[in-house]
Amino acid sequence: MTKLVVKVHLRNDKKRRKAMQIVSKFEGIGSLAMDSKDNKLTVSGDFDPVEVVNKLRKSCNADVVSVESAKKDEGKKNEDQVANLEAYQTYSPIPVTYYYVPCYETPNCVIC
């Protein structure tokens, strides 16, 4: 779990919504909060903070305030999450079969 606080320089509500949409598309985002008074965006979850900041910098001016590693409260809870993740990774969906249907053209046909 990672907690990232980024100061974004946004002029209006449209830019704020766009910044929130950009960050929310990343996998592993647990929570997302925007403090419009201080223009700080707080993101927490299991994600790569470098990718999030790079994507934000492409759309607006963003400065990293802090990056923290959240504390793990319960060891058993984490073990259960690992067991669930392993069960998810071993799931194999039904394979998809594609068929190729050749297109036969008649040699004596002329389109005018």
N, C-alpha and C. Protein backbone atom coordinates (compact mmCIF):
# COMPACT_ATOMS: atom_id res chain seq x y z
N MET A 1 0.84 -1.18 0.00
CA MET A 1 0.00 0.00 0.00
C MET A 1 0.88 1.24 0.00
N THR A 2 0.52 2.17 -0.86
CA THR A 2 1.28 3.40 -1.02
C THR A 2 0.34 4.59 -0.90
N LYS A 3 0.82 5.65 -0.29
CA LYS A 3 0.05 6.88 -0.20
C LYS A 3 0.85 7.98 -0.88
N LEU A 4 0.24 8.62 -1.86
CA LEU A 4 0.90 9.65 -2.65
C LEU A 4 0.11 10.95 -2.51
N VAL A 5 0.83 12.04 -2.21
CA VAL A 5 0.21 13.37 -2.15
C VAL A 5 0.89 14.23 -3.21
N VAL A 6 0.09 14.75 -4.13
CA VAL A 6 0.60 15.54 -5.24
C VAL A 6 -0.09 16.90 -5.24
N LYS A 7 0.69 17.96 -5.40
CA LYS A 7 0.11 19.29 -5.53
C LYS A 7 -0.04 19.57 -7.02
N VAL A 8 -1.27 19.77 -7.44
CA VAL A 8 -1.57 20.03 -8.85
C VAL A 8 -2.02 21.48 -8.99
N HIS A 9 -1.57 22.11 -10.05
CA HIS A 9 -1.93 23.50 -10.32
C HIS A 9 -3.03 23.51 -11.37
N LEU A 10 -4.27 23.65 -10.90
CA LEU A 10 -5.43 23.57 -11.78
C LEU A 10 -6.19 24.89 -11.72
N ARG A 11 -6.68 25.30 -12.89
CA ARG A 11 -7.35 26.59 -12.98
C ARG A 11 -8.85 26.50 -12.71
N ASN A 12 -9.48 25.39 -13.12
CA ASN A 12 -10.94 25.33 -13.01
C ASN A 12 -11.39 23.90 -12.69
N ASP A 13 -12.70 23.73 -12.55
CA ASP A 13 -13.26 22.43 -12.19
C ASP A 13 -13.08 21.40 -13.30
N LYS A 14 -13.07 21.83 -14.53
CA LYS A 14 -12.89 20.90 -15.65
C LYS A 14 -11.52 20.22 -15.56
N LYS A 15 -10.49 20.99 -15.26
CA LYS A 15 -9.14 20.42 -15.12
C LYS A 15 -9.06 19.51 -13.89
N ARG A 16 -9.77 19.85 -12.82
CA ARG A 16 -9.79 19.00 -11.62
C ARG A 16 -10.42 17.64 -11.94
N ARG A 17 -11.54 17.68 -12.67
CA ARG A 17 -12.19 16.42 -13.05
C ARG A 17 -11.30 15.59 -13.94
N LYS A 18 -10.60 16.24 -14.85
CA LYS A 18 -9.71 15.52 -15.77
C LYS A 18 -8.57 14.85 -15.00
N ALA A 19 -8.00 15.55 -14.02
CA ALA A 19 -6.92 14.98 -13.21
C ALA A 19 -7.43 13.77 -12.42
N MET A 20 -8.63 13.88 -11.87
CA MET A 20 -9.22 12.76 -11.12
C MET A 20 -9.47 11.57 -12.04
N GLN A 21 -9.94 11.81 -13.26
CA GLN A 21 -10.20 10.73 -14.21
C GLN A 21 -8.91 10.05 -14.63
N ILE A 22 -7.86 10.83 -14.83
CA ILE A 22 -6.58 10.25 -15.23
C ILE A 22 -6.07 9.30 -14.16
N VAL A 23 -6.10 9.74 -12.92
CA VAL A 23 -5.57 8.92 -11.83
C VAL A 23 -6.47 7.71 -11.56
N SER A 24 -7.76 7.87 -11.69
CA SER A 24 -8.68 6.77 -11.37
C SER A 24 -8.59 5.62 -12.36
N LYS A 25 -8.00 5.84 -13.53
CA LYS A 25 -7.89 4.77 -14.54
C LYS A 25 -6.77 3.78 -14.23
N PHE A 26 -5.88 4.10 -13.31
CA PHE A 26 -4.80 3.19 -12.96
C PHE A 26 -5.31 2.03 -12.13
N GLU A 27 -4.69 0.87 -12.33
CA GLU A 27 -5.06 -0.31 -11.54
C GLU A 27 -4.44 -0.21 -10.16
N GLY A 28 -5.16 -0.67 -9.16
CA GLY A 28 -4.64 -0.71 -7.80
C GLY A 28 -4.94 0.52 -6.97
N ILE A 29 -5.68 1.47 -7.51
CA ILE A 29 -6.01 2.68 -6.76
C ILE A 29 -7.09 2.33 -5.74
N GLY A 30 -6.80 2.54 -4.46
CA GLY A 30 -7.75 2.24 -3.40
C GLY A 30 -8.68 3.40 -3.11
N SER A 31 -8.10 4.58 -2.91
CA SER A 31 -8.91 5.77 -2.66
C SER A 31 -8.26 6.97 -3.32
N LEU A 32 -9.10 7.95 -3.61
CA LEU A 32 -8.67 9.14 -4.32
C LEU A 32 -9.40 10.34 -3.72
N ALA A 33 -8.66 11.35 -3.30
CA ALA A 33 -9.28 12.53 -2.69
C ALA A 33 -8.60 13.79 -3.20
N MET A 34 -9.41 14.83 -3.42
CA MET A 34 -8.89 16.10 -3.91
C MET A 34 -9.24 17.19 -2.92
N ASP A 35 -8.23 17.88 -2.45
CA ASP A 35 -8.44 19.03 -1.57
C ASP A 35 -8.34 20.27 -2.45
N SER A 36 -9.50 20.83 -2.81
CA SER A 36 -9.53 21.95 -3.76
C SER A 36 -9.00 23.25 -3.14
N LYS A 37 -9.00 23.33 -1.83
CA LYS A 37 -8.49 24.54 -1.18
C LYS A 37 -6.97 24.65 -1.34
N ASP A 38 -6.28 23.53 -1.09
CA ASP A 38 -4.82 23.50 -1.21
C ASP A 38 -4.34 22.95 -2.54
N ASN A 39 -5.27 22.52 -3.40
CA ASN A 39 -4.95 21.89 -4.69
C ASN A 39 -4.04 20.67 -4.51
N LYS A 40 -4.38 19.83 -3.53
CA LYS A 40 -3.62 18.61 -3.28
C LYS A 40 -4.47 17.40 -3.62
N LEU A 41 -3.87 16.48 -4.34
CA LEU A 41 -4.51 15.24 -4.72
C LEU A 41 -3.87 14.12 -3.92
N THR A 42 -4.67 13.38 -3.15
CA THR A 42 -4.18 12.29 -2.32
C THR A 42 -4.66 10.97 -2.91
N VAL A 43 -3.70 10.08 -3.22
CA VAL A 43 -4.00 8.79 -3.81
C VAL A 43 -3.42 7.72 -2.92
N SER A 44 -4.21 6.69 -2.62
CA SER A 44 -3.69 5.57 -1.84
C SER A 44 -4.13 4.27 -2.47
N GLY A 45 -3.29 3.26 -2.28
CA GLY A 45 -3.57 1.95 -2.85
C GLY A 45 -2.27 1.26 -3.22
N ASP A 46 -2.40 0.22 -4.03
CA ASP A 46 -1.24 -0.55 -4.47
C ASP A 46 -0.98 -0.19 -5.94
N PHE A 47 -0.14 0.80 -6.17
CA PHE A 47 0.12 1.31 -7.51
C PHE A 47 1.55 1.82 -7.58
N ASP A 48 1.99 2.16 -8.79
CA ASP A 48 3.32 2.72 -8.99
C ASP A 48 3.21 4.25 -9.01
N PRO A 49 3.74 4.94 -7.98
CA PRO A 49 3.58 6.40 -7.92
C PRO A 49 4.28 7.13 -9.06
N VAL A 50 5.35 6.56 -9.61
CA VAL A 50 6.07 7.21 -10.70
C VAL A 50 5.19 7.30 -11.94
N GLU A 51 4.48 6.22 -12.25
CA GLU A 51 3.60 6.22 -13.42
C GLU A 51 2.46 7.23 -13.25
N VAL A 52 1.90 7.30 -12.05
CA VAL A 52 0.80 8.22 -11.80
C VAL A 52 1.26 9.67 -11.96
N VAL A 53 2.42 10.00 -11.39
CA VAL A 53 2.91 11.38 -11.47
C VAL A 53 3.28 11.73 -12.92
N ASN A 54 3.90 10.80 -13.64
CA ASN A 54 4.25 11.07 -15.03
C ASN A 54 3.01 11.33 -15.88
N LYS A 55 1.96 10.57 -15.66
CA LYS A 55 0.72 10.76 -16.42
C LYS A 55 0.07 12.10 -16.06
N LEU A 56 0.11 12.46 -14.77
CA LEU A 56 -0.45 13.76 -14.35
C LEU A 56 0.33 14.93 -14.95
N ARG A 57 1.64 14.79 -15.02
CA ARG A 57 2.46 15.88 -15.54
C ARG A 57 2.23 16.12 -17.03
N LYS A 58 1.75 15.12 -17.73
CA LYS A 58 1.44 15.30 -19.15
C LYS A 58 0.22 16.19 -19.35
N SER A 59 -0.70 16.18 -18.39
CA SER A 59 -1.92 16.96 -18.55
C SER A 59 -1.93 18.26 -17.75
N CYS A 60 -1.19 18.31 -16.65
CA CYS A 60 -1.17 19.53 -15.83
C CYS A 60 0.15 19.61 -15.08
N ASN A 61 0.38 20.74 -14.44
CA ASN A 61 1.59 20.95 -13.67
C ASN A 61 1.41 20.27 -12.31
N ALA A 62 2.25 19.26 -12.01
CA ALA A 62 2.10 18.50 -10.77
C ALA A 62 3.44 18.40 -10.05
N ASP A 63 3.41 18.63 -8.74
CA ASP A 63 4.60 18.51 -7.89
C ASP A 63 4.33 17.49 -6.80
N VAL A 64 5.26 16.58 -6.58
CA VAL A 64 5.11 15.56 -5.55
C VAL A 64 5.36 16.19 -4.18
N VAL A 65 4.39 16.03 -3.27
CA VAL A 65 4.54 16.54 -1.92
C VAL A 65 5.13 15.44 -1.04
N SER A 66 4.54 14.24 -1.10
CA SER A 66 5.06 13.13 -0.31
C SER A 66 4.63 11.79 -0.89
N VAL A 67 5.47 10.80 -0.65
CA VAL A 67 5.16 9.41 -1.00
C VAL A 67 5.47 8.59 0.24
N GLU A 68 4.45 7.87 0.73
CA GLU A 68 4.61 7.09 1.95
C GLU A 68 4.18 5.66 1.69
N SER A 69 4.79 4.76 2.42
CA SER A 69 4.36 3.37 2.40
C SER A 69 3.43 3.17 3.58
N ALA A 70 2.20 2.75 3.29
CA ALA A 70 1.21 2.57 4.35
C ALA A 70 1.59 1.36 5.21
N LYS A 71 1.26 1.43 6.48
CA LYS A 71 1.59 0.35 7.41
C LYS A 71 0.64 -0.82 7.22
N LYS A 72 1.20 -2.02 7.35
CA LYS A 72 0.39 -3.23 7.26
C LYS A 72 -0.06 -3.60 8.67
N ASP A 73 -1.35 -3.59 8.89
CA ASP A 73 -1.88 -3.82 10.22
C ASP A 73 -1.92 -5.29 10.58
N GLU A 74 -2.43 -6.09 9.72
CA GLU A 74 -2.64 -7.49 10.06
C GLU A 74 -1.89 -8.40 9.09
N GLY A 75 -1.05 -9.28 9.62
CA GLY A 75 -0.34 -10.23 8.79
C GLY A 75 -1.26 -11.26 8.19
N LYS A 76 -2.29 -11.69 8.96
CA LYS A 76 -3.21 -12.71 8.47
C LYS A 76 -4.02 -12.18 7.30
N LYS A 77 -4.40 -10.94 7.38
CA LYS A 77 -5.20 -10.35 6.30
C LYS A 77 -4.39 -10.34 5.00
N ASN A 78 -3.10 -10.02 5.10
CA ASN A 78 -2.24 -10.00 3.92
C ASN A 78 -2.04 -11.40 3.36
N GLU A 79 -1.94 -12.40 4.25
CA GLU A 79 -1.80 -13.78 3.79
C GLU A 79 -3.06 -14.23 3.04
N ASP A 80 -4.23 -13.81 3.52
CA ASP A 80 -5.47 -14.14 2.83
C ASP A 80 -5.52 -13.48 1.46
N GLN A 81 -5.04 -12.26 1.36
CA GLN A 81 -5.03 -11.57 0.08
C GLN A 81 -4.09 -12.27 -0.90
N VAL A 82 -2.95 -12.75 -0.41
CA VAL A 82 -2.01 -13.47 -1.26
C VAL A 82 -2.64 -14.78 -1.74
N ALA A 83 -3.34 -15.48 -0.85
CA ALA A 83 -3.99 -16.73 -1.23
C ALA A 83 -5.07 -16.47 -2.28
N ASN A 84 -5.83 -15.39 -2.12
CA ASN A 84 -6.85 -15.05 -3.10
C ASN A 84 -6.22 -14.67 -4.44
N LEU A 85 -5.08 -13.98 -4.40
CA LEU A 85 -4.40 -13.59 -5.62
C LEU A 85 -3.88 -14.83 -6.35
N GLU A 86 -3.33 -15.79 -5.61
CA GLU A 86 -2.84 -17.02 -6.24
C GLU A 86 -3.99 -17.79 -6.88
N ALA A 87 -5.13 -17.83 -6.22
CA ALA A 87 -6.29 -18.52 -6.79
C ALA A 87 -6.75 -17.80 -8.05
N TYR A 88 -6.67 -16.49 -8.07
CA TYR A 88 -7.09 -15.72 -9.24
C TYR A 88 -6.14 -15.95 -10.41
N GLN A 89 -4.85 -16.05 -10.13
CA GLN A 89 -3.87 -16.22 -11.19
C GLN A 89 -3.93 -17.62 -11.80
N THR A 90 -4.37 -18.61 -11.05
CA THR A 90 -4.41 -19.96 -11.60
C THR A 90 -5.68 -20.22 -12.41
N TYR A 91 -6.61 -19.30 -12.40
CA TYR A 91 -7.83 -19.44 -13.17
C TYR A 91 -7.50 -19.38 -14.66
N SER A 92 -7.95 -20.37 -15.41
CA SER A 92 -7.71 -20.35 -16.84
C SER A 92 -9.05 -20.32 -17.57
N PRO A 93 -9.31 -19.28 -18.31
CA PRO A 93 -10.59 -19.18 -19.02
C PRO A 93 -10.64 -20.16 -20.19
N ILE A 94 -11.82 -20.34 -20.71
CA ILE A 94 -12.01 -21.22 -21.86
C ILE A 94 -11.32 -20.58 -23.06
N PRO A 95 -10.51 -21.36 -23.78
CA PRO A 95 -9.80 -20.76 -24.92
C PRO A 95 -10.77 -20.36 -26.03
N VAL A 96 -10.44 -19.30 -26.70
CA VAL A 96 -11.26 -18.78 -27.78
C VAL A 96 -10.74 -19.36 -29.09
N THR A 97 -11.64 -19.90 -29.89
CA THR A 97 -11.26 -20.49 -31.16
C THR A 97 -11.69 -19.55 -32.28
N TYR A 98 -10.75 -19.25 -33.17
CA TYR A 98 -11.06 -18.42 -34.32
C TYR A 98 -11.08 -19.30 -35.57
N TYR A 99 -12.02 -19.04 -36.44
CA TYR A 99 -12.14 -19.80 -37.67
C TYR A 99 -11.82 -18.90 -38.85
N TYR A 100 -11.11 -19.46 -39.80
CA TYR A 100 -10.79 -18.74 -41.02
C TYR A 100 -11.66 -19.29 -42.13
N VAL A 101 -12.45 -18.44 -42.75
CA VAL A 101 -13.30 -18.85 -43.85
C VAL A 101 -12.73 -18.22 -45.11
N PRO A 102 -12.16 -19.06 -46.00
CA PRO A 102 -11.56 -18.49 -47.20
C PRO A 102 -12.63 -17.94 -48.15
N CYS A 103 -12.28 -16.91 -48.84
CA CYS A 103 -13.18 -16.28 -49.79
C CYS A 103 -12.81 -16.78 -51.18
N TYR A 104 -13.69 -17.55 -51.78
CA TYR A 104 -13.43 -18.09 -53.11
C TYR A 104 -14.04 -17.16 -54.15
N GLU A 105 -13.25 -16.79 -55.10
CA GLU A 105 -13.73 -15.96 -56.18
C GLU A 105 -13.85 -16.82 -57.44
N THR A 106 -14.85 -16.55 -58.20
CA THR A 106 -14.99 -17.28 -59.47
C THR A 106 -14.13 -16.61 -60.51
N PRO A 107 -13.32 -17.37 -61.25
CA PRO A 107 -12.37 -16.75 -62.20
C PRO A 107 -13.06 -16.13 -63.41
N ASN A 108 -14.29 -16.53 -63.75
CA ASN A 108 -14.94 -16.01 -64.94
C ASN A 108 -15.83 -14.82 -64.65
N CYS A 109 -15.87 -14.35 -63.43
CA CYS A 109 -16.77 -13.27 -63.05
C CYS A 109 -16.03 -11.94 -63.24
N VAL A 110 -16.64 -11.01 -63.96
CA VAL A 110 -16.07 -9.70 -64.19
C VAL A 110 -17.08 -8.67 -63.72
N ILE A 111 -16.64 -7.75 -62.90
CA ILE A 111 -17.53 -6.70 -62.40
C ILE A 111 -17.30 -5.46 -63.26
N CYS A 112 -18.35 -4.98 -63.85
CA CYS A 112 -18.24 -3.80 -64.73
C CYS A 112 -18.81 -2.59 -64.07
